[in-house]
Amino acid sequence: MVTVHTLFIEDHGLPLHLSLYECSPQAPAVIFLHGMTAHAGFYSEMIPGANYLQALAEAGLNVIALDLQGHGRSGGARGRFTYADAIRNIRRTVEFAIDRYHDRIGITGSSMGGILAFYAALEDPRIRAAVCHNVLDLQDIRPVLYLRRHFILVPLARAARPFRSFLGWMPVPVRAFLEPSHVFEKPENLQRWQADRLCVWAYSLSAWISVFLNPADKPPIEAMTKPVRLVVGERDRILPADYHREFLARLRCRKDLIVVPGAGHMLPLEYLEITVPLVAEWFQEHLHHSRGSGNDPGGSERRR
């Protein structure tokens, strides 16, 4: 039986909101990270009957869903955070998970959350395995730029880096970099997203630069040693399947890639029945045994 709790933990004086979906004290513990604009409740409450977090818990996981600072019910100015802030928020959540459960900790996330989940697993030795719905090499985002406005706005944002100390507060609409119609396939789901009052529709210029345009503080993806599963929709227009194939080929850890046929971007909500088993089986395999080397030069792609 799954029990649900909400609570706050503190990170450097800021309250971080957690949604807990617990199935058993002995089950693997998995931190979930939301995507751009979103928050934990987005994946449990937005679409009637599509509670992704509950479904993960029913598949045998203790789920700790984090609202990053500046998002959802967590503290901090809306849309103002840095890559270092996000990694620190996640580290604090790992501490909470170990104190509450055990040290068999995994991490997963969707879209921006999948990207940050990859880097958190790379940077935090306590995280044992990851499942990433979407990944991106934050040392070089150029291969995924595809909107005409990207080729105007990204160079402008790069040029603004020296002026972050006094321009960093400036809000930049999420729509400047993300096309909302490419996120959901069903129009009614797009409308629900746009009506969600907890979603953040502008990020500070410093947030965009810190996360996506500052390669200096990001480790190389080839340094990953944890078991990693990548999951992507075959028709994802934001972070395409072909890019994931190239990313997978560069990894030296134990890895695989699942391409969901016919699917677009929002796998956790519009393809919940397919996505949940893909996430749960990876963690059931890699979080139920003692710690060992995650290195494996192999890697495969599958379609589900």
Protein backbone atom coordinates (compact mmCIF):
# COMPACT_ATOMS: atom_id res chain seq x y z
CA MET A 1 0.00 0.00 0.00
CA VAL A 2 1.33 3.42 -0.94
CA THR A 3 1.27 6.22 1.62
CA VAL A 4 1.63 9.86 0.62
CA HIS A 5 3.25 12.65 2.62
CA THR A 6 4.32 16.21 1.90
CA LEU A 7 6.96 17.99 3.94
CA PHE A 8 9.71 20.58 3.83
CA ILE A 9 13.43 20.24 4.38
CA GLU A 10 15.88 23.12 4.55
CA ASP A 11 18.80 23.89 2.28
CA HIS A 12 20.92 26.90 3.21
CA GLY A 13 17.93 28.56 4.82
CA LEU A 14 15.52 27.85 1.95
CA PRO A 15 12.56 25.48 2.39
CA LEU A 16 12.48 22.68 -0.18
CA HIS A 17 9.14 21.00 -0.76
CA LEU A 18 9.10 17.19 -1.02
CA SER A 19 6.26 14.88 -2.02
CA LEU A 20 6.80 11.35 -0.70
CA TYR A 21 5.12 8.28 -2.18
CA GLU A 22 6.18 5.39 0.03
CA CYS A 23 5.57 1.70 -0.56
CA SER A 24 7.94 -0.10 1.87
CA PRO A 25 10.92 0.80 4.09
CA GLN A 26 12.95 -1.88 2.28
CA ALA A 27 12.14 -0.70 -1.25
CA PRO A 28 14.65 1.26 -3.35
CA ALA A 29 14.48 5.02 -2.76
CA VAL A 30 14.32 7.19 -5.88
CA ILE A 31 14.50 10.97 -6.14
CA PHE A 32 12.36 12.46 -8.91
CA LEU A 33 13.17 15.80 -10.58
CA HIS A 34 10.57 17.80 -12.50
CA GLY A 35 11.00 19.42 -15.86
CA MET A 36 11.27 23.07 -16.89
CA THR A 37 8.51 25.33 -15.47
CA ALA A 38 7.09 22.44 -13.45
CA HIS A 39 6.96 21.02 -9.91
CA ALA A 40 6.30 17.66 -8.29
CA GLY A 41 2.52 18.07 -8.22
CA PHE A 42 2.51 18.59 -11.98
CA TYR A 43 3.20 14.83 -12.35
CA SER A 44 0.56 13.75 -9.85
CA GLU A 45 -2.35 16.18 -10.14
CA MET A 46 -2.42 17.84 -13.54
CA ILE A 47 -4.08 15.12 -15.63
CA PRO A 48 -6.98 13.29 -13.96
CA GLY A 49 -6.11 9.63 -13.46
CA ALA A 50 -2.44 10.09 -14.46
CA ASN A 51 -0.46 10.14 -11.21
CA TYR A 52 3.05 9.26 -12.34
CA LEU A 53 4.55 9.43 -8.84
CA GLN A 54 1.90 7.12 -7.39
CA ALA A 55 2.43 4.67 -10.26
CA LEU A 56 6.19 4.56 -9.61
CA ALA A 57 5.53 3.80 -5.95
CA GLU A 58 3.03 1.07 -6.85
CA ALA A 59 5.79 -0.44 -9.01
CA GLY A 60 7.90 -0.95 -5.86
CA LEU A 61 9.77 2.31 -5.29
CA ASN A 62 9.86 4.87 -2.49
CA VAL A 63 9.57 8.13 -4.46
CA ILE A 64 10.89 11.46 -3.18
CA ALA A 65 9.75 14.18 -5.59
CA LEU A 66 11.58 17.49 -5.15
CA ASP A 67 10.49 20.99 -6.07
CA LEU A 68 13.78 22.68 -6.96
CA GLN A 69 14.25 26.11 -5.39
CA GLY A 70 12.37 28.80 -7.24
CA HIS A 71 9.77 26.23 -8.35
CA GLY A 72 6.47 24.91 -7.07
CA ARG A 73 6.09 25.12 -3.30
CA SER A 74 9.79 25.45 -2.52
CA GLY A 75 11.34 28.72 -1.39
CA GLY A 76 13.34 31.18 -3.42
CA ALA A 77 12.40 33.79 -5.99
CA ARG A 78 10.41 32.22 -8.82
CA GLY A 79 12.62 31.09 -11.67
CA ARG A 80 15.87 32.22 -10.03
CA PHE A 81 18.39 29.43 -9.46
CA THR A 82 21.74 28.22 -10.75
CA TYR A 83 23.16 24.87 -11.74
CA ALA A 84 25.04 24.83 -8.41
CA ASP A 85 21.80 25.57 -6.54
CA ALA A 86 20.04 22.65 -8.24
CA ILE A 87 22.87 20.21 -7.50
CA ARG A 88 22.96 21.41 -3.89
CA ASN A 89 19.17 21.00 -3.54
CA ILE A 90 19.52 17.44 -4.85
CA ARG A 91 22.41 16.65 -2.49
CA ARG A 92 20.28 17.81 0.43
CA THR A 93 17.45 15.55 -0.76
CA VAL A 94 19.89 12.62 -0.98
CA GLU A 95 20.80 13.24 2.67
CA PHE A 96 17.12 13.19 3.59
CA ALA A 97 16.53 9.97 1.64
CA ILE A 98 19.45 8.18 3.32
CA ASP A 99 18.30 9.29 6.77
CA ARG A 100 14.72 8.19 6.14
CA TYR A 101 15.34 4.95 4.23
CA HIS A 102 18.79 3.48 3.49
CA ASP A 103 21.71 4.08 1.12
CA ARG A 104 20.20 2.40 -1.97
CA ILE A 105 19.39 5.70 -3.66
CA GLY A 106 18.57 6.28 -7.32
CA ILE A 107 17.56 9.36 -9.25
CA THR A 108 15.23 9.99 -12.17
CA GLY A 109 13.74 12.99 -13.87
CA SER A 110 11.89 14.29 -16.89
CA SER A 111 13.13 16.77 -19.52
CA MET A 112 15.23 19.35 -17.62
CA GLY A 113 14.83 17.04 -14.62
CA GLY A 114 16.31 14.16 -16.62
CA ILE A 115 19.29 16.32 -17.55
CA LEU A 116 19.86 17.37 -13.94
CA ALA A 117 19.36 13.77 -12.75
CA PHE A 118 22.21 12.68 -15.02
CA TYR A 119 24.55 15.33 -13.66
CA ALA A 120 23.52 14.75 -10.04
CA ALA A 121 24.33 11.04 -10.43
CA LEU A 122 27.64 11.99 -12.01
CA GLU A 123 28.56 14.42 -9.21
CA ASP A 124 27.15 12.72 -6.07
CA PRO A 125 28.82 9.40 -5.16
CA ARG A 126 25.87 8.41 -2.95
CA ILE A 127 23.53 8.10 -5.95
CA ARG A 128 23.85 4.57 -7.32
CA ALA A 129 21.81 4.55 -10.54
CA ALA A 130 19.84 6.88 -12.81
CA VAL A 131 17.00 6.78 -15.30
CA CYS A 132 16.85 9.91 -17.42
CA HIS A 133 13.89 10.85 -19.56
CA ASN A 134 15.99 13.11 -21.77
CA VAL A 135 19.64 14.05 -21.43
CA LEU A 136 21.80 16.87 -22.73
CA ASP A 137 25.53 17.54 -22.65
CA LEU A 138 25.60 20.86 -20.80
CA GLN A 139 29.13 21.53 -22.01
CA ASP A 140 27.72 21.99 -25.53
CA ILE A 141 24.01 22.46 -26.20
CA ARG A 142 24.45 23.41 -29.86
CA PRO A 143 23.39 20.01 -31.30
CA VAL A 144 19.84 20.39 -29.94
CA LEU A 145 19.18 23.97 -31.03
CA TYR A 146 16.43 23.78 -33.65
CA LEU A 147 14.06 26.74 -33.37
CA ARG A 148 14.88 29.76 -35.50
CA ARG A 149 14.85 31.98 -32.43
CA HIS A 150 17.47 29.77 -30.73
CA PHE A 151 20.09 31.03 -33.18
CA ILE A 152 19.37 34.62 -32.16
CA LEU A 153 18.70 34.27 -28.42
CA VAL A 154 21.48 31.85 -27.49
CA PRO A 155 24.30 34.04 -28.87
CA LEU A 156 22.71 37.06 -27.13
CA ALA A 157 22.57 35.19 -23.82
CA ARG A 158 26.20 34.10 -24.22
CA ALA A 159 27.20 37.69 -24.91
CA ALA A 160 25.45 38.75 -21.69
CA ARG A 161 27.57 36.45 -19.49
CA PRO A 162 30.05 39.17 -18.47
CA PHE A 163 27.13 41.37 -17.31
CA ARG A 164 25.38 38.80 -15.11
CA SER A 165 26.20 40.73 -11.94
CA PHE A 166 23.72 43.47 -12.84
CA LEU A 167 21.58 41.90 -15.61
CA GLY A 168 21.19 38.42 -14.12
CA TRP A 169 17.86 39.21 -12.45
CA MET A 170 16.20 39.97 -15.80
CA PRO A 171 13.30 37.55 -16.49
CA VAL A 172 13.44 35.69 -19.78
CA PRO A 173 10.21 33.91 -20.80
CA VAL A 174 10.46 30.14 -21.04
CA ARG A 175 8.71 30.40 -24.40
CA ALA A 176 11.79 32.16 -25.73
CA PHE A 177 13.70 28.87 -25.62
CA LEU A 178 10.94 26.24 -25.43
CA GLU A 179 8.00 25.83 -27.82
CA PRO A 180 5.04 24.79 -25.58
CA SER A 181 3.22 23.04 -28.45
CA HIS A 182 6.15 20.61 -28.71
CA VAL A 183 5.75 19.41 -25.10
CA PHE A 184 2.31 17.77 -25.11
CA GLU A 185 0.64 15.91 -27.95
CA LYS A 186 -2.91 16.40 -26.66
CA PRO A 187 -4.18 20.02 -26.75
CA GLU A 188 -6.14 19.57 -23.53
CA ASN A 189 -2.93 18.66 -21.68
CA LEU A 190 -1.19 21.73 -23.05
CA GLN A 191 -4.09 23.82 -21.74
CA ARG A 192 -3.85 22.20 -18.29
CA TRP A 193 -0.14 22.97 -18.17
CA GLN A 194 -0.65 26.59 -19.13
CA ALA A 195 -3.35 26.96 -16.46
CA ASP A 196 -1.17 25.55 -13.65
CA ARG A 197 -0.57 28.45 -11.27
CA LEU A 198 2.45 26.79 -9.68
CA CYS A 199 4.37 26.58 -12.94
CA VAL A 200 7.14 29.12 -13.59
CA TRP A 201 6.91 30.83 -16.97
CA ALA A 202 10.06 32.98 -16.82
CA TYR A 203 13.58 32.16 -15.66
CA SER A 204 16.17 34.77 -14.77
CA LEU A 205 18.86 35.42 -17.34
CA SER A 206 21.41 34.13 -14.81
CA ALA A 207 19.50 30.83 -14.53
CA TRP A 208 19.54 30.27 -18.30
CA ILE A 209 23.24 31.09 -18.47
CA SER A 210 24.21 29.03 -15.43
CA VAL A 211 22.39 25.85 -16.44
CA PHE A 212 22.76 25.86 -20.22
CA LEU A 213 25.51 28.29 -21.24
CA ASN A 214 28.30 27.87 -18.70
CA PRO A 215 30.27 24.72 -19.59
CA ALA A 216 33.10 25.45 -17.15
CA ASP A 217 31.33 24.03 -14.07
CA LYS A 218 29.95 20.89 -15.77
CA PRO A 219 31.89 17.61 -15.69
CA PRO A 220 32.32 15.68 -18.96
CA ILE A 221 29.57 13.14 -19.52
CA GLU A 222 32.22 10.47 -20.18
CA ALA A 223 33.07 10.58 -16.46
CA MET A 224 29.80 8.85 -15.54
CA THR A 225 30.36 5.51 -13.77
CA LYS A 226 26.81 4.74 -12.53
CA PRO A 227 24.33 2.55 -14.41
CA VAL A 228 22.23 4.87 -16.59
CA ARG A 229 19.11 4.22 -18.63
CA LEU A 230 18.06 6.85 -21.17
CA VAL A 231 14.42 7.04 -22.26
CA VAL A 232 13.09 9.17 -25.13
CA GLY A 233 10.09 9.36 -27.40
CA GLU A 234 10.69 8.49 -31.03
CA ARG A 235 9.02 11.77 -32.07
CA ASP A 236 10.45 14.02 -29.35
CA ARG A 237 11.04 17.35 -31.10
CA ILE A 238 12.77 19.06 -28.16
CA LEU A 239 15.51 16.51 -27.41
CA PRO A 240 15.46 14.04 -30.32
CA ALA A 241 16.09 10.30 -30.24
CA ASP A 242 19.08 10.61 -32.59
CA TYR A 243 20.77 12.95 -30.14
CA HIS A 244 20.26 10.35 -27.38
CA ARG A 245 21.90 7.70 -29.54
CA GLU A 246 24.97 9.91 -29.93
CA PHE A 247 25.00 10.66 -26.19
CA LEU A 248 24.75 6.94 -25.32
CA ALA A 249 27.71 6.10 -27.58
CA ARG A 250 29.94 8.45 -25.57
CA LEU A 251 29.15 6.86 -22.19
CA ARG A 252 31.53 4.26 -20.72
CA CYS A 253 29.31 3.11 -17.86
CA ARG A 254 26.63 0.44 -17.86
CA LYS A 255 23.93 1.96 -20.03
CA ASP A 256 21.02 1.48 -22.33
CA LEU A 257 18.56 3.51 -24.36
CA ILE A 258 14.83 2.95 -24.73
CA VAL A 259 13.11 4.68 -27.66
CA VAL A 260 9.33 4.66 -27.27
CA PRO A 261 7.80 4.21 -30.75
CA GLY A 262 5.47 6.95 -31.93
CA ALA A 263 5.81 8.96 -28.70
CA GLY A 264 6.48 12.65 -28.34
CA HIS A 265 8.11 14.54 -25.49
CA MET A 266 5.93 14.10 -22.40
CA LEU A 267 6.46 10.40 -21.65
CA PRO A 268 5.69 10.41 -17.89
CA LEU A 269 2.15 11.74 -18.37
CA GLU A 270 1.05 10.88 -21.90
CA TYR A 271 2.75 7.45 -21.95
CA LEU A 272 2.60 6.62 -18.25
CA GLU A 273 1.83 2.90 -18.69
CA ILE A 274 4.96 2.46 -20.84
CA THR A 275 7.29 4.74 -18.91
CA VAL A 276 6.70 3.47 -15.36
CA PRO A 277 7.93 -0.12 -15.98
CA LEU A 278 11.00 1.20 -17.81
CA VAL A 279 11.96 3.28 -14.79
CA ALA A 280 11.05 0.73 -12.13
CA GLU A 281 12.83 -2.24 -13.69
CA TRP A 282 16.15 -0.39 -13.93
CA PHE A 283 16.06 0.57 -10.26
CA GLN A 284 14.84 -2.85 -9.16
CA GLU A 285 17.87 -4.33 -10.93
CA HIS A 286 20.50 -1.84 -9.76
CA LEU A 287 19.34 -0.86 -6.26
CA HIS A 288 18.69 -4.31 -4.78
CA HIS A 289 22.29 -5.47 -4.49
CA SER A 290 25.54 -4.36 -2.89
CA ARG A 291 27.56 -1.59 -4.40
CA GLY A 292 29.92 -2.52 -7.20
CA SER A 293 31.48 -1.10 -10.32
CA GLY A 294 28.96 0.34 -12.75
CA ASN A 295 31.40 0.27 -15.63
CA ASP A 296 30.41 -1.71 -18.67
CA PRO A 297 31.61 -0.78 -22.16
CA GLY A 298 28.45 -2.26 -23.64
CA GLY A 299 25.21 -0.45 -24.26
CA SER A 300 22.12 -1.09 -26.28
CA GLU A 301 19.06 0.52 -27.74
CA ARG A 302 15.59 -0.95 -27.46
CA ARG A 303 12.15 0.08 -28.60
CA ARG A 304 9.13 -0.39 -26.36
